[in-house]
Amino acid sequence: MDIELRRTRHQVPRASRPDAATGDRWYLMKNVPLMRLTYQVRLLAYLAQQNAARLVVVLPSGTRLSADMQAFAQVNSVTIERAKT
């Protein structure tokens, strides 16, 4: 069965890939002062779950998490790790 995706010439399908992957862990590394819940995080968490993996978000030690990001990490299989400085 062929499915025709209907979109304008300006629309493109979105995708994201982890920065690193080892076994059952996918790593996303960010260097930001405030980590927000973004489309990239939601998509990678979903893809990791589909592949029986766990998403690990690696952040600098001083990075704060938004309330949405904290709630999302608790509900989904997302681990927050702080990089050692």
PDB file of N, CA and C in Angstrom:
ATOM      1  N   MET A   1       0.832  -1.168   0.000  1.00  0.00           N
ATOM      2  CA  MET A   1       0.000   0.000   0.000  1.00  0.00           C
ATOM      3  C   MET A   1       0.883   1.240   0.000  1.00  0.00           C
ATOM      4  N   ASP A   2       0.681   2.125  -0.934  1.00  0.00           N
ATOM      5  CA  ASP A   2       1.417   3.376  -1.008  1.00  0.00           C
ATOM      6  C   ASP A   2       0.611   4.478  -0.333  1.00  0.00           C
ATOM      7  N   ILE A   3       1.290   5.233   0.502  1.00  0.00           N
ATOM      8  CA  ILE A   3       0.651   6.357   1.172  1.00  0.00           C
ATOM      9  C   ILE A   3       1.267   7.632   0.645  1.00  0.00           C
ATOM     10  N   GLU A   4       0.440   8.528   0.197  1.00  0.00           N
ATOM     11  CA  GLU A   4       0.920   9.812  -0.303  1.00  0.00           C
ATOM     12  C   GLU A   4       0.808  10.836   0.812  1.00  0.00           C
ATOM     13  N   LEU A   5       1.951  11.375   1.223  1.00  0.00           N
ATOM     14  CA  LEU A   5       1.945  12.415   2.245  1.00  0.00           C
ATOM     15  C   LEU A   5       1.644  13.752   1.581  1.00  0.00           C
ATOM     16  N   ARG A   6       0.602  14.399   2.057  1.00  0.00           N
ATOM     17  CA  ARG A   6       0.198  15.664   1.459  1.00  0.00           C
ATOM     18  C   ARG A   6       0.806  16.800   2.267  1.00  0.00           C
ATOM     19  N   ARG A   7       1.659  17.580   1.644  1.00  0.00           N
ATOM     20  CA  ARG A   7       2.263  18.737   2.293  1.00  0.00           C
ATOM     21  C   ARG A   7       2.664  19.760   1.238  1.00  0.00           C
ATOM     22  N   THR A   8       2.851  20.959   1.698  1.00  0.00           N
ATOM     23  CA  THR A   8       3.275  22.013   0.772  1.00  0.00           C
ATOM     24  C   THR A   8       4.765  21.868   0.515  1.00  0.00           C
ATOM     25  N   ARG A   9       5.278  22.652  -0.391  1.00  0.00           N
ATOM     26  CA  ARG A   9       6.696  22.529  -0.737  1.00  0.00           C
ATOM     27  C   ARG A   9       7.609  23.020   0.384  1.00  0.00           C
ATOM     28  N   HIS A  10       7.061  23.777   1.344  1.00  0.00           N
ATOM     29  CA  HIS A  10       7.877  24.295   2.447  1.00  0.00           C
ATOM     30  C   HIS A  10       7.911  23.352   3.643  1.00  0.00           C
ATOM     31  N   GLN A  11       7.028  22.374   3.695  1.00  0.00           N
ATOM     32  CA  GLN A  11       6.982  21.456   4.828  1.00  0.00           C
ATOM     33  C   GLN A  11       7.939  20.291   4.603  1.00  0.00           C
ATOM     34  N   VAL A  12       8.619  19.945   5.669  1.00  0.00           N
ATOM     35  CA  VAL A  12       9.519  18.794   5.621  1.00  0.00           C
ATOM     36  C   VAL A  12       9.259  17.933   6.852  1.00  0.00           C
ATOM     37  N   PRO A  13       9.428  16.629   6.739  1.00  0.00           N
ATOM     38  CA  PRO A  13       9.254  15.792   7.927  1.00  0.00           C
ATOM     39  C   PRO A  13      10.380  16.058   8.921  1.00  0.00           C
ATOM     40  N   ARG A  14      10.056  16.083  10.192  1.00  0.00           N
ATOM     41  CA  ARG A  14      11.050  16.340  11.230  1.00  0.00           C
ATOM     42  C   ARG A  14      11.644  15.027  11.721  1.00  0.00           C
ATOM     43  N   ALA A  15      12.875  15.125  12.153  1.00  0.00           N
ATOM     44  CA  ALA A  15      13.549  13.963  12.718  1.00  0.00           C
ATOM     45  C   ALA A  15      14.612  14.443  13.697  1.00  0.00           C
ATOM     46  N   SER A  16      15.101  13.546  14.487  1.00  0.00           N
ATOM     47  CA  SER A  16      16.167  13.856  15.428  1.00  0.00           C
ATOM     48  C   SER A  16      16.942  12.574  15.687  1.00  0.00           C
ATOM     49  N   ARG A  17      18.222  12.731  15.983  1.00  0.00           N
ATOM     50  CA  ARG A  17      19.063  11.583  16.295  1.00  0.00           C
ATOM     51  C   ARG A  17      19.809  11.870  17.590  1.00  0.00           C
ATOM     52  N   PRO A  18      20.084  10.847  18.368  1.00  0.00           N
ATOM     53  CA  PRO A  18      20.846  11.070  19.604  1.00  0.00           C
ATOM     54  C   PRO A  18      22.292  11.435  19.284  1.00  0.00           C
ATOM     55  N   ASP A  19      22.944  12.129  20.219  1.00  0.00           N
ATOM     56  CA  ASP A  19      24.361  12.474  20.038  1.00  0.00           C
ATOM     57  C   ASP A  19      25.242  11.243  20.138  1.00  0.00           C
ATOM     58  N   ALA A  20      24.822  10.278  20.944  1.00  0.00           N
ATOM     59  CA  ALA A  20      25.563   9.025  21.090  1.00  0.00           C
ATOM     60  C   ALA A  20      24.581   7.938  21.514  1.00  0.00           C
ATOM     61  N   ALA A  21      24.931   6.704  21.213  1.00  0.00           N
ATOM     62  CA  ALA A  21      24.096   5.572  21.610  1.00  0.00           C
ATOM     63  C   ALA A  21      25.004   4.412  21.985  1.00  0.00           C
ATOM     64  N   THR A  22      24.729   3.826  23.148  1.00  0.00           N
ATOM     65  CA  THR A  22      25.474   2.658  23.598  1.00  0.00           C
ATOM     66  C   THR A  22      24.488   1.656  24.165  1.00  0.00           C
ATOM     67  N   GLY A  23      24.375   0.530  23.548  1.00  0.00           N
ATOM     68  CA  GLY A  23      23.481  -0.508  24.038  1.00  0.00           C
ATOM     69  C   GLY A  23      22.050  -0.035  24.154  1.00  0.00           C
ATOM     70  N   ASP A  24      21.557   0.028  25.388  1.00  0.00           N
ATOM     71  CA  ASP A  24      20.174   0.427  25.603  1.00  0.00           C
ATOM     72  C   ASP A  24      20.054   1.863  26.118  1.00  0.00           C
ATOM     73  N   ARG A  25      21.068   2.684  25.884  1.00  0.00           N
ATOM     74  CA  ARG A  25      21.039   4.090  26.302  1.00  0.00           C
ATOM     75  C   ARG A  25      21.303   5.009  25.118  1.00  0.00           C
ATOM     76  N   TRP A  26      20.456   6.019  24.984  1.00  0.00           N
ATOM     77  CA  TRP A  26      20.638   7.061  23.974  1.00  0.00           C
ATOM     78  C   TRP A  26      20.991   8.335  24.701  1.00  0.00           C
ATOM     79  N   TYR A  27      22.024   9.038  24.245  1.00  0.00           N
ATOM     80  CA  TYR A  27      22.504  10.243  24.924  1.00  0.00           C
ATOM     81  C   TYR A  27      22.213  11.492  24.096  1.00  0.00           C
ATOM     82  N   LEU A  28      21.694  12.500  24.789  1.00  0.00           N
ATOM     83  CA  LEU A  28      21.501  13.825  24.217  1.00  0.00           C
ATOM     84  C   LEU A  28      22.277  14.787  25.102  1.00  0.00           C
ATOM     85  N   MET A  29      23.254  15.494  24.525  1.00  0.00           N
ATOM     86  CA  MET A  29      24.110  16.394  25.297  1.00  0.00           C
ATOM     87  C   MET A  29      23.767  17.834  24.955  1.00  0.00           C
ATOM     88  N   LYS A  30      23.485  18.613  25.996  1.00  0.00           N
ATOM     89  CA  LYS A  30      23.111  20.017  25.818  1.00  0.00           C
ATOM     90  C   LYS A  30      23.965  20.877  26.729  1.00  0.00           C
ATOM     91  N   ASN A  31      24.352  22.051  26.243  1.00  0.00           N
ATOM     92  CA  ASN A  31      25.106  23.012  27.028  1.00  0.00           C
ATOM     93  C   ASN A  31      24.271  24.291  27.115  1.00  0.00           C
ATOM     94  N   VAL A  32      23.284  24.265  27.998  1.00  0.00           N
ATOM     95  CA  VAL A  32      22.336  25.373  28.129  1.00  0.00           C
ATOM     96  C   VAL A  32      22.177  25.733  29.603  1.00  0.00           C
ATOM     97  N   PRO A  33      21.837  27.002  29.914  1.00  0.00           N
ATOM     98  CA  PRO A  33      21.607  27.370  31.318  1.00  0.00           C
ATOM     99  C   PRO A  33      20.246  26.897  31.841  1.00  0.00           C
ATOM    100  N   LEU A  34      19.251  26.768  30.941  1.00  0.00           N
ATOM    101  CA  LEU A  34      17.915  26.307  31.315  1.00  0.00           C
ATOM    102  C   LEU A  34      17.467  25.267  30.297  1.00  0.00           C
ATOM    103  N   MET A  35      17.238  24.054  30.766  1.00  0.00           N
ATOM    104  CA  MET A  35      16.789  22.984  29.868  1.00  0.00           C
ATOM    105  C   MET A  35      15.275  22.964  29.844  1.00  0.00           C
ATOM    106  N   ARG A  36      14.738  23.246  28.672  1.00  0.00           N
ATOM    107  CA  ARG A  36      13.291  23.237  28.481  1.00  0.00           C
ATOM    108  C   ARG A  36      12.879  21.943  27.791  1.00  0.00           C
ATOM    109  N   LEU A  37      11.610  21.632  27.899  1.00  0.00           N
ATOM    110  CA  LEU A  37      11.067  20.467  27.195  1.00  0.00           C
ATOM    111  C   LEU A  37      10.848  20.885  25.744  1.00  0.00           C
ATOM    112  N   THR A  38      11.644  20.327  24.847  1.00  0.00           N
ATOM    113  CA  THR A  38      11.584  20.702  23.439  1.00  0.00           C
ATOM    114  C   THR A  38      11.053  19.539  22.607  1.00  0.00           C
ATOM    115  N   TYR A  39      10.744  19.842  21.359  1.00  0.00           N
ATOM    116  CA  TYR A  39      10.300  18.811  20.427  1.00  0.00           C
ATOM    117  C   TYR A  39      11.367  17.731  20.294  1.00  0.00           C
ATOM    118  N   GLN A  40      12.641  18.135  20.281  1.00  0.00           N
ATOM    119  CA  GLN A  40      13.738  17.185  20.145  1.00  0.00           C
ATOM    120  C   GLN A  40      13.745  16.184  21.302  1.00  0.00           C
ATOM    121  N   VAL A  41      13.547  16.659  22.516  1.00  0.00           N
ATOM    122  CA  VAL A  41      13.543  15.772  23.681  1.00  0.00           C
ATOM    123  C   VAL A  41      12.348  14.831  23.624  1.00  0.00           C
ATOM    124  N   ARG A  42      11.176  15.364  23.311  1.00  0.00           N
ATOM    125  CA  ARG A  42       9.982  14.514  23.239  1.00  0.00           C
ATOM    126  C   ARG A  42      10.125  13.456  22.155  1.00  0.00           C
ATOM    127  N   LEU A  43      10.641  13.837  20.989  1.00  0.00           N
ATOM    128  CA  LEU A  43      10.794  12.894  19.887  1.00  0.00           C
ATOM    129  C   LEU A  43      11.832  11.820  20.220  1.00  0.00           C
ATOM    130  N   LEU A  44      12.969  12.215  20.778  1.00  0.00           N
ATOM    131  CA  LEU A  44      13.992  11.226  21.122  1.00  0.00           C
ATOM    132  C   LEU A  44      13.524  10.284  22.227  1.00  0.00           C
ATOM    133  N   ALA A  45      12.760  10.788  23.183  1.00  0.00           N
ATOM    134  CA  ALA A  45      12.219   9.923  24.238  1.00  0.00           C
ATOM    135  C   ALA A  45      11.265   8.898  23.635  1.00  0.00           C
ATOM    136  N   TYR A  46      10.439   9.339  22.716  1.00  0.00           N
ATOM    137  CA  TYR A  46       9.508   8.430  22.043  1.00  0.00           C
ATOM    138  C   TYR A  46      10.260   7.379  21.227  1.00  0.00           C
ATOM    139  N   LEU A  47      11.246   7.810  20.445  1.00  0.00           N
ATOM    140  CA  LEU A  47      12.006   6.876  19.616  1.00  0.00           C
ATOM    141  C   LEU A  47      12.813   5.896  20.471  1.00  0.00           C
ATOM    142  N   ALA A  48      13.368   6.387  21.578  1.00  0.00           N
ATOM    143  CA  ALA A  48      14.114   5.497  22.470  1.00  0.00           C
ATOM    144  C   ALA A  48      13.190   4.440  23.060  1.00  0.00           C
ATOM    145  N   GLN A  49      12.004   4.859  23.449  1.00  0.00           N
ATOM    146  CA  GLN A  49      11.044   3.901  24.002  1.00  0.00           C
ATOM    147  C   GLN A  49      10.657   2.856  22.964  1.00  0.00           C
ATOM    148  N   GLN A  50      10.474   3.264  21.717  1.00  0.00           N
ATOM    149  CA  GLN A  50      10.125   2.334  20.654  1.00  0.00           C
ATOM    150  C   GLN A  50      11.246   1.330  20.387  1.00  0.00           C
ATOM    151  N   ASN A  51      12.487   1.723  20.682  1.00  0.00           N
ATOM    152  CA  ASN A  51      13.643   0.853  20.458  1.00  0.00           C
ATOM    153  C   ASN A  51      14.137   0.201  21.746  1.00  0.00           C
ATOM    154  N   ALA A  52      13.297   0.175  22.775  1.00  0.00           N
ATOM    155  CA  ALA A  52      13.633  -0.429  24.074  1.00  0.00           C
ATOM    156  C   ALA A  52      14.918   0.156  24.654  1.00  0.00           C
ATOM    157  N   ALA A  53      15.055   1.476  24.556  1.00  0.00           N
ATOM    158  CA  ALA A  53      16.231   2.165  25.089  1.00  0.00           C
ATOM    159  C   ALA A  53      15.769   3.228  26.080  1.00  0.00           C
ATOM    160  N   ARG A  54      16.731   3.830  26.744  1.00  0.00           N
ATOM    161  CA  ARG A  54      16.459   4.896  27.702  1.00  0.00           C
ATOM    162  C   ARG A  54      17.196   6.147  27.247  1.00  0.00           C
ATOM    163  N   LEU A  55      16.503   7.286  27.261  1.00  0.00           N
ATOM    164  CA  LEU A  55      17.120   8.557  26.874  1.00  0.00           C
ATOM    165  C   LEU A  55      17.820   9.167  28.081  1.00  0.00           C
ATOM    166  N   VAL A  56      19.088   9.512  27.911  1.00  0.00           N
ATOM    167  CA  VAL A  56      19.880  10.156  28.960  1.00  0.00           C
ATOM    168  C   VAL A  56      20.245  11.548  28.456  1.00  0.00           C
ATOM    169  N   VAL A  57      19.797  12.574  29.176  1.00  0.00           N
ATOM    170  CA  VAL A  57      20.109  13.956  28.821  1.00  0.00           C
ATOM    171  C   VAL A  57      21.259  14.398  29.712  1.00  0.00           C
ATOM    172  N   VAL A  58      22.388  14.736  29.090  1.00  0.00           N
ATOM    173  CA  VAL A  58      23.586  15.139  29.825  1.00  0.00           C
ATOM    174  C   VAL A  58      23.666  16.664  29.789  1.00  0.00           C
ATOM    175  N   LEU A  59      23.726  17.280  30.991  1.00  0.00           N
ATOM    176  CA  LEU A  59      23.714  18.734  31.126  1.00  0.00           C
ATOM    177  C   LEU A  59      24.878  19.188  31.999  1.00  0.00           C
ATOM    178  N   PRO A  60      25.311  20.457  31.849  1.00  0.00           N
ATOM    179  CA  PRO A  60      26.314  20.998  32.773  1.00  0.00           C
ATOM    180  C   PRO A  60      25.761  21.028  34.199  1.00  0.00           C
ATOM    181  N   SER A  61      26.643  21.098  35.169  1.00  0.00           N
ATOM    182  CA  SER A  61      26.220  21.008  36.567  1.00  0.00           C
ATOM    183  C   SER A  61      25.328  22.163  37.001  1.00  0.00           C
ATOM    184  N   GLY A  62      25.452  23.330  36.396  1.00  0.00           N
ATOM    185  CA  GLY A  62      24.652  24.486  36.809  1.00  0.00           C
ATOM    186  C   GLY A  62      23.345  24.661  36.063  1.00  0.00           C
ATOM    187  N   THR A  63      23.003  23.755  35.199  1.00  0.00           N
ATOM    188  CA  THR A  63      21.792  23.898  34.384  1.00  0.00           C
ATOM    189  C   THR A  63      20.546  23.653  35.224  1.00  0.00           C
ATOM    190  N   ARG A  64      19.563  24.561  35.064  1.00  0.00           N
ATOM    191  CA  ARG A  64      18.270  24.388  35.718  1.00  0.00           C
ATOM    192  C   ARG A  64      17.331  23.683  34.753  1.00  0.00           C
ATOM    193  N   LEU A  65      16.324  23.003  35.294  1.00  0.00           N
ATOM    194  CA  LEU A  65      15.317  22.329  34.483  1.00  0.00           C
ATOM    195  C   LEU A  65      14.000  23.079  34.595  1.00  0.00           C
ATOM    196  N   SER A  66      13.310  23.245  33.467  1.00  0.00           N
ATOM    197  CA  SER A  66      11.980  23.846  33.509  1.00  0.00           C
ATOM    198  C   SER A  66      11.026  22.866  34.188  1.00  0.00           C
ATOM    199  N   ALA A  67       9.900  23.380  34.666  1.00  0.00           N
ATOM    200  CA  ALA A  67       8.919  22.529  35.342  1.00  0.00           C
ATOM    201  C   ALA A  67       8.390  21.454  34.397  1.00  0.00           C
ATOM    202  N   ASP A  68       8.166  21.828  33.126  1.00  0.00           N
ATOM    203  CA  ASP A  68       7.692  20.848  32.145  1.00  0.00           C
ATOM    204  C   ASP A  68       8.707  19.735  31.927  1.00  0.00           C
ATOM    205  N   MET A  69       9.975  20.093  31.865  1.00  0.00           N
ATOM    206  CA  MET A  69      11.029  19.101  31.642  1.00  0.00           C
ATOM    207  C   MET A  69      11.132  18.158  32.837  1.00  0.00           C
ATOM    208  N   GLN A  70      11.040  18.686  34.056  1.00  0.00           N
ATOM    209  CA  GLN A  70      11.096  17.844  35.245  1.00  0.00           C
ATOM    210  C   GLN A  70       9.944  16.845  35.262  1.00  0.00           C
ATOM    211  N   ALA A  71       8.741  17.315  34.974  1.00  0.00           N
ATOM    212  CA  ALA A  71       7.568  16.440  34.982  1.00  0.00           C
ATOM    213  C   ALA A  71       7.679  15.379  33.895  1.00  0.00           C
ATOM    214  N   PHE A  72       8.148  15.778  32.707  1.00  0.00           N
ATOM    215  CA  PHE A  72       8.292  14.834  31.593  1.00  0.00           C
ATOM    216  C   PHE A  72       9.309  13.754  31.937  1.00  0.00           C
ATOM    217  N   ALA A  73      10.430  14.139  32.551  1.00  0.00           N
ATOM    218  CA  ALA A  73      11.479  13.174  32.896  1.00  0.00           C
ATOM    219  C   ALA A  73      10.989  12.170  33.933  1.00  0.00           C
ATOM    220  N   GLN A  74      10.142  12.611  34.846  1.00  0.00           N
ATOM    221  CA  GLN A  74       9.628  11.703  35.868  1.00  0.00           C
ATOM    222  C   GLN A  74       8.635  10.706  35.289  1.00  0.00           C
ATOM    223  N   VAL A  75       7.795  11.154  34.369  1.00  0.00           N
ATOM    224  CA  VAL A  75       6.756  10.294  33.809  1.00  0.00           C
ATOM    225  C   VAL A  75       7.319   9.335  32.766  1.00  0.00           C
ATOM    226  N   ASN A  76       8.271   9.800  31.979  1.00  0.00           N
ATOM    227  CA  ASN A  76       8.838   8.987  30.900  1.00  0.00           C
ATOM    228  C   ASN A  76      10.198   8.449  31.315  1.00  0.00           C
ATOM    229  N   SER A  77      10.754   7.570  30.515  1.00  0.00           N
ATOM    230  CA  SER A  77      12.053   6.981  30.841  1.00  0.00           C
ATOM    231  C   SER A  77      13.190   7.887  30.385  1.00  0.00           C
ATOM    232  N   VAL A  78      13.280   9.055  31.013  1.00  0.00           N
ATOM    233  CA  VAL A  78      14.320  10.026  30.693  1.00  0.00           C
ATOM    234  C   VAL A  78      15.173  10.233  31.947  1.00  0.00           C
ATOM    235  N   THR A  79      16.474  10.063  31.809  1.00  0.00           N
ATOM    236  CA  THR A  79      17.393  10.260  32.906  1.00  0.00           C
ATOM    237  C   THR A  79      18.154  11.557  32.675  1.00  0.00           C
ATOM    238  N   ILE A  80      18.287  12.364  33.727  1.00  0.00           N
ATOM    239  CA  ILE A  80      19.049  13.606  33.658  1.00  0.00           C
ATOM    240  C   ILE A  80      20.367  13.367  34.369  1.00  0.00           C
ATOM    241  N   GLU A  81      21.477  13.568  33.658  1.00  0.00           N
ATOM    242  CA  GLU A  81      22.806  13.431  34.260  1.00  0.00           C
ATOM    243  C   GLU A  81      23.511  14.774  34.191  1.00  0.00           C
ATOM    244  N   ARG A  82      24.243  15.087  35.251  1.00  0.00           N
ATOM    245  CA  ARG A  82      25.018  16.325  35.294  1.00  0.00           C
ATOM    246  C   ARG A  82      26.471  16.006  34.954  1.00  0.00           C
ATOM    247  N   ALA A  83      27.024  16.769  34.026  1.00  0.00           N
ATOM    248  CA  ALA A  83      28.437  16.573  33.651  1.00  0.00           C
ATOM    249  C   ALA A  83      29.334  17.074  34.764  1.00  0.00           C
ATOM    250  N   LYS A  84      30.406  16.394  34.969  1.00  0.00           N
ATOM    251  CA  LYS A  84      31.364  16.792  36.010  1.00  0.00           C
ATOM    252  C   LYS A  84      32.226  17.902  35.452  1.00  0.00           C
ATOM    253  N   THR A  85      32.388  18.967  36.237  1.00  0.00           N
ATOM    254  CA  THR A  85      33.210  20.098  35.779  1.00  0.00           C
ATOM    255  C   THR A  85      34.497  20.173  36.521  1.00  0.00           C
TER     256      THR A  85
END
